[in-house]
């Protein structure tokens, strides 16, 4: 059975999230950043990292394992590098602060690298990588996450889906934006499927005995499949070391799941910005990227259809949803309105035409 879906104007969804977050106690400025990151995922079709996360974030604050708003402090700042401490507040606050600083450093030094310790889930990684595009820079983002994937050749989950996002500016073409988890799919997609009553394809996950499963709820108790087998497993481990050990936040396997309210998440992030103009004339770089994009898109497709660049489908989806509205399934809408009711915020009810 197809779940009931209602469509809402993107601006209305964003305003709703700001209203809920503000009434829950987050300042207006930071509420806008968190809401913007959720909307970024929603319009790009990354539903697992969109507004479905709102209630989980607030529940973590309600249970005392995450701070509503703490000052992001500086533990080290030397030339092109810095280490920030999120002090267990919203990952979006830490992420936006860190990427902004990385971009500032890249203007001066050609590159900026900022790591973050003691943070939380920060939404979709592409949101931060794409911040660099506005400055004609290359943005690169890593984050670690709770154990969801077994190290290749083992059964018990020990490494996270640990995503990586890289954004590259172009000229007339869409920017190239890679945003991928090191598992075949993010754990959030499986959690979203479990919430909305969908099965998952074989090849996404295994049960606790290491056998492939199509049951999303069973998969959440088992292990996700690494992308590319041993390669995805190794890449996840490397990201975990950079985000968790380099920042002195937590050892591999120690990050807590967003739904685990037994203690702070202890998530780490890594942000970098690369100033293209320090290496090559910016116009030449963009023209060459455009040329590469056109040449690849001009290649014959296996199925006779269109060839897409990384991030192109998401850009098109974003444009369409900003114009036509955001579809929300009944269970997601129920979750949103439940948290709104707790804080006296107006429910999300009016649909788009």
Protein backbone atom coordinates (compact mmCIF):
# COMPACT_ATOMS: atom_id res chain seq x y z
CA UNK A 1 0.00 0.00 0.00
CA UNK A 2 1.32 3.46 -0.94
CA UNK A 3 1.61 5.70 2.15
CA UNK A 4 -0.45 8.90 2.26
CA UNK A 5 1.61 11.86 1.09
CA UNK A 6 0.89 15.57 1.44
CA UNK A 7 2.82 18.30 -0.33
CA UNK A 8 3.86 21.52 1.40
CA UNK A 9 5.56 24.68 0.09
CA UNK A 10 9.29 24.54 0.85
CA UNK A 11 9.22 27.93 2.56
CA UNK A 12 6.37 26.81 4.82
CA UNK A 13 8.28 23.69 5.88
CA UNK A 14 11.37 25.75 6.65
CA UNK A 15 9.38 28.33 8.63
CA UNK A 16 7.70 25.51 10.58
CA UNK A 17 11.08 24.06 11.58
CA UNK A 18 12.36 27.48 12.65
CA UNK A 19 9.22 28.04 14.73
CA UNK A 20 9.50 24.68 16.50
CA UNK A 21 13.21 25.05 17.20
CA UNK A 22 12.81 28.61 18.46
CA UNK A 23 9.95 27.67 20.78
CA UNK A 24 12.02 24.73 22.01
CA UNK A 25 14.71 27.18 23.10
CA UNK A 26 17.19 27.56 20.24
CA UNK A 27 18.05 31.13 19.21
CA UNK A 28 16.46 32.45 16.02
CA UNK A 29 19.76 32.64 14.12
CA UNK A 30 20.74 29.06 14.87
CA UNK A 31 17.19 27.81 14.35
CA UNK A 32 17.42 29.20 10.82
CA UNK A 33 20.70 27.35 10.17
CA UNK A 34 19.37 24.02 11.47
CA UNK A 35 16.15 24.45 9.48
CA UNK A 36 18.13 25.36 6.35
CA UNK A 37 20.21 22.19 6.63
CA UNK A 38 17.08 20.06 7.03
CA UNK A 39 15.45 21.75 4.04
CA UNK A 40 18.63 21.27 2.00
CA UNK A 41 18.33 17.51 2.49
CA UNK A 42 14.58 17.53 1.89
CA UNK A 43 14.65 19.38 -1.43
CA UNK A 44 17.59 17.32 -2.67
CA UNK A 45 15.57 14.17 -2.02
CA UNK A 46 17.72 12.95 0.89
CA UNK A 47 14.67 12.27 3.06
CA UNK A 48 16.62 10.33 5.68
CA UNK A 49 18.45 13.52 6.68
CA UNK A 50 15.57 15.96 6.27
CA UNK A 51 12.78 17.09 8.56
CA UNK A 52 12.32 13.54 9.86
CA UNK A 53 15.35 14.31 12.07
CA UNK A 54 13.73 17.26 13.83
CA UNK A 55 11.99 15.30 16.58
CA UNK A 56 15.08 13.17 17.22
CA UNK A 57 17.23 16.27 17.73
CA UNK A 58 14.80 17.78 20.19
CA UNK A 59 14.33 14.47 22.02
CA UNK A 60 18.08 14.35 22.63
CA UNK A 61 17.87 17.78 24.24
CA UNK A 62 14.81 16.77 26.25
CA UNK A 63 16.57 13.71 27.65
CA UNK A 64 19.62 15.76 28.60
CA UNK A 65 22.17 14.09 26.31
CA UNK A 66 22.53 17.10 23.99
CA UNK A 67 22.68 20.82 24.77
CA UNK A 68 20.16 23.08 23.08
CA UNK A 69 22.68 25.83 22.55
CA UNK A 70 26.26 25.86 23.78
CA UNK A 71 29.04 28.13 22.59
CA UNK A 72 31.31 26.51 20.01
CA UNK A 73 34.78 27.16 21.40
CA UNK A 74 38.24 27.19 19.85
CA UNK A 75 40.81 24.72 21.18
CA UNK A 76 43.49 25.44 18.57
CA UNK A 77 43.80 27.98 15.76
CA UNK A 78 47.09 28.20 13.88
CA UNK A 79 47.32 29.61 10.36
CA UNK A 80 45.46 27.23 8.01
CA UNK A 81 44.19 24.81 10.65
CA UNK A 82 41.88 24.90 13.66
CA UNK A 83 40.16 22.60 16.13
CA UNK A 84 36.76 23.56 17.52
CA UNK A 85 34.82 22.10 20.42
CA UNK A 86 31.06 21.86 19.82
CA UNK A 87 30.48 21.28 23.53
CA UNK A 88 27.69 18.82 22.71
CA UNK A 89 25.34 21.24 20.96
CA UNK A 90 23.64 20.92 17.56
CA UNK A 91 25.98 19.57 14.89
CA UNK A 92 24.66 22.21 12.51
CA UNK A 93 25.93 24.98 14.78
CA UNK A 94 29.38 23.43 14.87
CA UNK A 95 29.40 22.53 11.19
CA UNK A 96 28.36 25.96 9.93
CA UNK A 97 30.87 27.66 12.23
CA UNK A 98 33.69 25.33 11.17
CA UNK A 99 33.10 25.52 7.43
CA UNK A 100 32.82 29.31 7.60
CA UNK A 101 36.21 29.39 9.33
CA UNK A 102 37.73 26.96 6.82
CA UNK A 103 36.63 29.22 3.97
CA UNK A 104 38.09 32.30 5.70
CA UNK A 105 41.41 30.50 6.12
CA UNK A 106 41.40 29.36 2.50
CA UNK A 107 41.08 32.98 1.35
CA UNK A 108 44.34 33.76 3.12
CA UNK A 109 46.34 30.54 2.93
CA UNK A 110 44.88 28.78 -0.11
CA UNK A 111 43.40 26.06 2.06
CA UNK A 112 41.61 25.88 5.37
CA UNK A 113 41.18 22.77 7.51
CA UNK A 114 38.94 22.80 10.58
CA UNK A 115 38.12 19.77 12.72
CA UNK A 116 35.33 19.58 15.31
CA UNK A 117 35.12 17.50 18.49
CA UNK A 118 32.26 16.68 20.87
CA UNK A 119 29.52 17.33 18.33
CA UNK A 120 26.27 15.71 17.21
CA UNK A 121 24.60 14.67 13.96
CA UNK A 122 24.91 17.64 11.61
CA UNK A 123 22.45 16.73 8.87
CA UNK A 124 23.44 16.21 5.26
CA UNK A 125 27.18 16.61 4.58
CA UNK A 126 26.65 18.26 1.18
CA UNK A 127 25.14 21.30 2.92
CA UNK A 128 28.57 22.24 4.29
CA UNK A 129 30.60 21.22 1.24
CA UNK A 130 28.36 23.42 -0.92
CA UNK A 131 29.04 26.43 1.31
CA UNK A 132 32.44 26.56 -0.42
CA UNK A 133 30.81 26.79 -3.85
CA UNK A 134 29.49 30.26 -3.02
CA UNK A 135 33.12 31.37 -2.71
CA UNK A 136 34.29 29.51 -5.84
CA UNK A 137 36.17 27.01 -3.69
CA UNK A 138 36.26 23.25 -3.41
CA UNK A 139 34.64 22.01 -0.21
CA UNK A 140 35.36 18.68 1.46
CA UNK A 141 33.56 17.27 4.52
CA UNK A 142 33.85 14.07 6.59
CA UNK A 143 31.94 12.99 9.66
CA UNK A 144 31.88 9.83 11.72
CA UNK A 145 28.75 8.17 13.04
CA UNK A 146 27.55 5.41 15.34
CA UNK A 147 28.42 1.75 14.63
CA UNK A 148 26.13 0.56 11.86
CA UNK A 149 28.43 -1.48 9.64
CA UNK A 150 30.61 -4.47 10.35
CA UNK A 151 34.27 -4.24 9.42
CA UNK A 152 34.73 -6.35 6.29
CA UNK A 153 34.90 -10.02 7.23
CA UNK A 154 33.21 -9.58 10.63
CA UNK A 155 29.59 -9.66 11.86
CA UNK A 156 29.20 -7.13 14.65
CA UNK A 157 28.77 -3.44 13.66
CA UNK A 158 31.82 -1.44 14.71
CA UNK A 159 32.22 1.34 12.11
CA UNK A 160 29.74 4.00 11.00
CA UNK A 161 28.33 4.87 7.60
CA UNK A 162 30.79 7.81 7.84
CA UNK A 163 29.85 10.02 4.86
CA UNK A 164 32.10 12.11 2.67
CA UNK A 165 31.00 15.12 0.63
CA UNK A 166 33.05 17.03 -1.95
CA UNK A 167 31.74 20.02 -3.92
CA UNK A 168 33.53 21.37 -7.00
CA UNK A 169 32.52 24.64 -8.68
CA UNK A 170 31.76 24.79 -12.38
CA UNK A 171 30.92 27.55 -14.84
CA UNK A 172 27.76 27.17 -16.93
CA UNK A 173 27.17 23.60 -15.75
CA UNK A 174 25.83 22.35 -12.42
CA UNK A 175 28.59 22.10 -9.80
CA UNK A 176 29.85 18.59 -9.17
CA UNK A 177 28.72 17.49 -5.70
CA UNK A 178 29.63 14.08 -4.35
CA UNK A 179 27.75 13.17 -1.18
CA UNK A 180 28.01 9.52 -0.22
CA UNK A 181 28.05 7.26 2.78
CA UNK A 182 30.67 4.55 3.00
CA UNK A 183 27.85 2.02 3.23
CA UNK A 184 25.67 1.11 0.25
CA UNK A 185 23.03 3.42 1.75
CA UNK A 186 22.93 5.57 4.87
CA UNK A 187 21.45 4.13 8.05
CA UNK A 188 18.99 7.02 7.91
CA UNK A 189 17.43 5.58 4.75
CA UNK A 190 16.83 2.28 6.48
CA UNK A 191 15.47 4.06 9.56
CA UNK A 192 13.17 6.08 7.27
CA UNK A 193 11.98 2.85 5.59
CA UNK A 194 11.26 1.30 8.99
CA UNK A 195 9.33 4.39 10.07
CA UNK A 196 7.21 4.51 6.92
CA UNK A 197 6.66 0.74 6.62
CA UNK A 198 8.76 0.08 3.51
CA UNK A 199 10.92 -2.93 2.73
CA UNK A 200 14.52 -2.37 1.65
CA UNK A 201 16.29 -3.90 -1.37
CA UNK A 202 18.55 -6.89 -0.89
CA UNK A 203 22.15 -5.75 -0.78
CA UNK A 204 21.53 -2.86 1.60
CA UNK A 205 21.95 -4.69 4.89
CA UNK A 206 22.31 -7.95 6.80
CA UNK A 207 20.60 -9.32 9.91
CA UNK A 208 22.39 -10.08 13.19
CA UNK A 209 23.54 -13.42 11.78
CA UNK A 210 25.11 -11.80 8.72
CA UNK A 211 22.40 -12.88 6.30
CA UNK A 212 20.95 -10.46 3.67
CA UNK A 213 17.55 -9.02 4.61
CA UNK A 214 14.77 -6.93 3.08
CA UNK A 215 13.21 -6.09 6.46
CA UNK A 216 14.19 -2.56 7.49
CA UNK A 217 13.55 -3.19 11.20
CA UNK A 218 15.65 -6.34 11.14
CA UNK A 219 18.39 -4.44 9.30
CA UNK A 220 18.52 -1.81 12.03
CA UNK A 221 19.48 -4.57 14.47
CA UNK A 222 22.04 -6.02 12.07
CA UNK A 223 24.70 -4.43 9.87
CA UNK A 224 24.74 -2.27 6.75
CA UNK A 225 26.71 -3.35 3.71
CA UNK A 226 29.87 -1.34 2.93
CA UNK A 227 30.05 0.15 -0.55
CA UNK A 228 32.60 -1.79 -2.57
CA UNK A 229 33.08 -4.39 0.15
CA UNK A 230 36.52 -4.12 1.74
CA UNK A 231 37.10 -0.69 0.13
CA UNK A 232 34.09 0.94 1.75
CA UNK A 233 34.93 -0.69 5.05
CA UNK A 234 38.48 0.68 4.94
CA UNK A 235 37.34 4.16 3.90
CA UNK A 236 34.89 4.27 6.80
CA UNK A 237 37.66 3.35 9.23
CA UNK A 238 39.94 6.10 7.87
CA UNK A 239 37.20 8.73 8.22
CA UNK A 240 36.49 7.53 11.75
CA UNK A 241 40.14 7.94 12.71
CA UNK A 242 40.31 11.46 11.23
CA UNK A 243 37.04 12.59 12.85
CA UNK A 244 37.18 10.69 16.12
CA UNK A 245 40.81 10.05 17.05
CA UNK A 246 42.49 13.09 15.47
CA UNK A 247 40.02 15.32 17.34
CA UNK A 248 40.51 13.30 20.55
CA UNK A 249 36.76 12.81 20.82
CA UNK A 250 36.15 9.06 20.78
CA UNK A 251 37.67 5.78 19.61
CA UNK A 252 36.20 3.82 16.71
CA UNK A 253 32.84 2.36 17.65
CA UNK A 254 32.16 4.88 20.42
CA UNK A 255 29.82 7.34 18.70
CA UNK A 256 26.24 7.01 19.92
CA UNK A 257 23.27 6.64 17.60
CA UNK A 258 20.93 9.62 17.27
CA UNK A 259 18.20 7.58 18.98
CA UNK A 260 20.51 6.43 21.80
CA UNK A 261 19.80 8.68 24.77
CA UNK A 262 22.21 6.96 27.16
CA UNK A 263 24.77 9.73 26.76
CA UNK A 264 26.37 12.38 24.49
CA UNK A 265 26.86 11.42 20.85
CA UNK A 266 30.59 12.35 20.71
CA UNK A 267 30.54 12.90 16.96
CA UNK A 268 33.56 14.40 15.18
CA UNK A 269 33.69 16.34 11.91
CA UNK A 270 36.36 17.42 9.41
CA UNK A 271 35.94 20.39 7.06
CA UNK A 272 38.28 21.75 4.41
CA UNK A 273 38.10 24.45 1.77
CA UNK A 274 40.44 24.75 -1.19
CA UNK A 275 40.87 28.15 -2.85
CA UNK A 276 40.93 27.35 -6.56
CA UNK A 277 42.27 30.77 -7.54
CA UNK A 278 45.50 30.13 -5.60
CA UNK A 279 46.32 27.27 -7.98
CA UNK A 280 44.85 28.25 -11.33
CA UNK A 281 42.95 31.08 -12.95
CA UNK A 282 39.39 30.64 -11.71
CA UNK A 283 37.78 31.23 -15.11
CA UNK A 284 40.07 28.66 -16.73
CA UNK A 285 39.31 26.13 -13.99
CA UNK A 286 35.56 26.55 -14.39
CA UNK A 287 35.79 26.39 -18.17
CA UNK A 288 37.80 23.17 -17.97
CA UNK A 289 35.38 21.62 -15.47
CA UNK A 290 32.51 22.56 -17.81
CA UNK A 291 34.36 20.95 -20.70
CA UNK A 292 34.85 17.73 -18.74
CA UNK A 293 31.18 17.69 -17.73
CA UNK A 294 29.98 18.22 -21.29
CA UNK A 295 32.31 15.55 -22.64
CA UNK A 296 31.11 12.98 -20.09
CA UNK A 297 27.45 13.83 -20.55
CA UNK A 298 27.96 13.49 -24.29
CA UNK A 299 29.09 9.88 -23.97
CA UNK A 300 26.62 7.18 -25.08
CA UNK A 301 24.62 5.83 -22.15
CA UNK A 302 24.30 2.09 -21.57
CA UNK A 303 20.50 2.32 -21.40
CA UNK A 304 20.15 5.02 -24.02
CA UNK A 305 19.09 7.57 -21.41
CA UNK A 306 20.80 10.62 -19.98
CA UNK A 307 24.19 10.59 -18.26
CA UNK A 308 24.19 12.38 -14.90
CA UNK A 309 27.08 13.94 -13.02
CA UNK A 310 27.44 13.58 -9.23
CA UNK A 311 24.87 15.83 -7.59
CA UNK A 312 23.01 16.67 -10.80
CA UNK A 313 19.93 14.62 -9.97
CA UNK A 314 19.81 16.28 -6.54
CA UNK A 315 20.13 19.75 -8.09
CA UNK A 316 17.22 19.06 -10.42
CA UNK A 317 15.18 17.62 -7.57
CA UNK A 318 15.96 20.70 -5.49
CA UNK A 319 14.78 23.06 -8.21
CA UNK A 320 11.59 21.06 -8.72
CA UNK A 321 10.72 20.84 -5.03
CA UNK A 322 11.38 24.51 -4.44
CA UNK A 323 8.82 25.23 -7.17
CA UNK A 324 6.29 22.44 -6.59
CA UNK A 325 6.60 21.75 -2.88
CA UNK A 326 7.95 19.08 -0.56
CA UNK A 327 6.10 15.74 -0.22
CA UNK A 328 5.84 14.46 3.35
CA UNK A 329 4.57 11.03 4.28
CA UNK A 330 1.92 10.64 6.95
CA UNK A 331 4.27 9.19 9.60
CA UNK A 332 6.77 12.00 9.10
CA UNK A 333 4.03 14.63 9.33
CA UNK A 334 2.72 13.01 12.51
CA UNK A 335 6.20 13.17 14.04
CA UNK A 336 6.60 16.84 13.13
CA UNK A 337 3.24 17.88 14.51
CA UNK A 338 3.78 15.88 17.70
CA UNK A 339 6.91 17.85 18.57
CA UNK A 340 5.23 21.09 17.48
CA UNK A 341 2.37 20.43 19.89
CA UNK A 342 4.79 19.90 22.79
CA UNK A 343 6.16 23.40 22.35
CA UNK A 344 3.04 25.28 21.31
CA UNK A 345 4.08 25.73 17.68
CA UNK A 346 1.50 25.84 14.92
CA UNK A 347 1.03 22.45 13.18
CA UNK A 348 2.05 21.86 9.60
CA UNK A 349 -1.35 21.55 7.92
CA UNK A 350 -1.74 23.65 4.76
CA UNK A 351 -0.74 21.80 1.63
CA UNK A 352 0.70 23.26 -1.56
CA UNK A 353 -1.73 23.72 -4.48
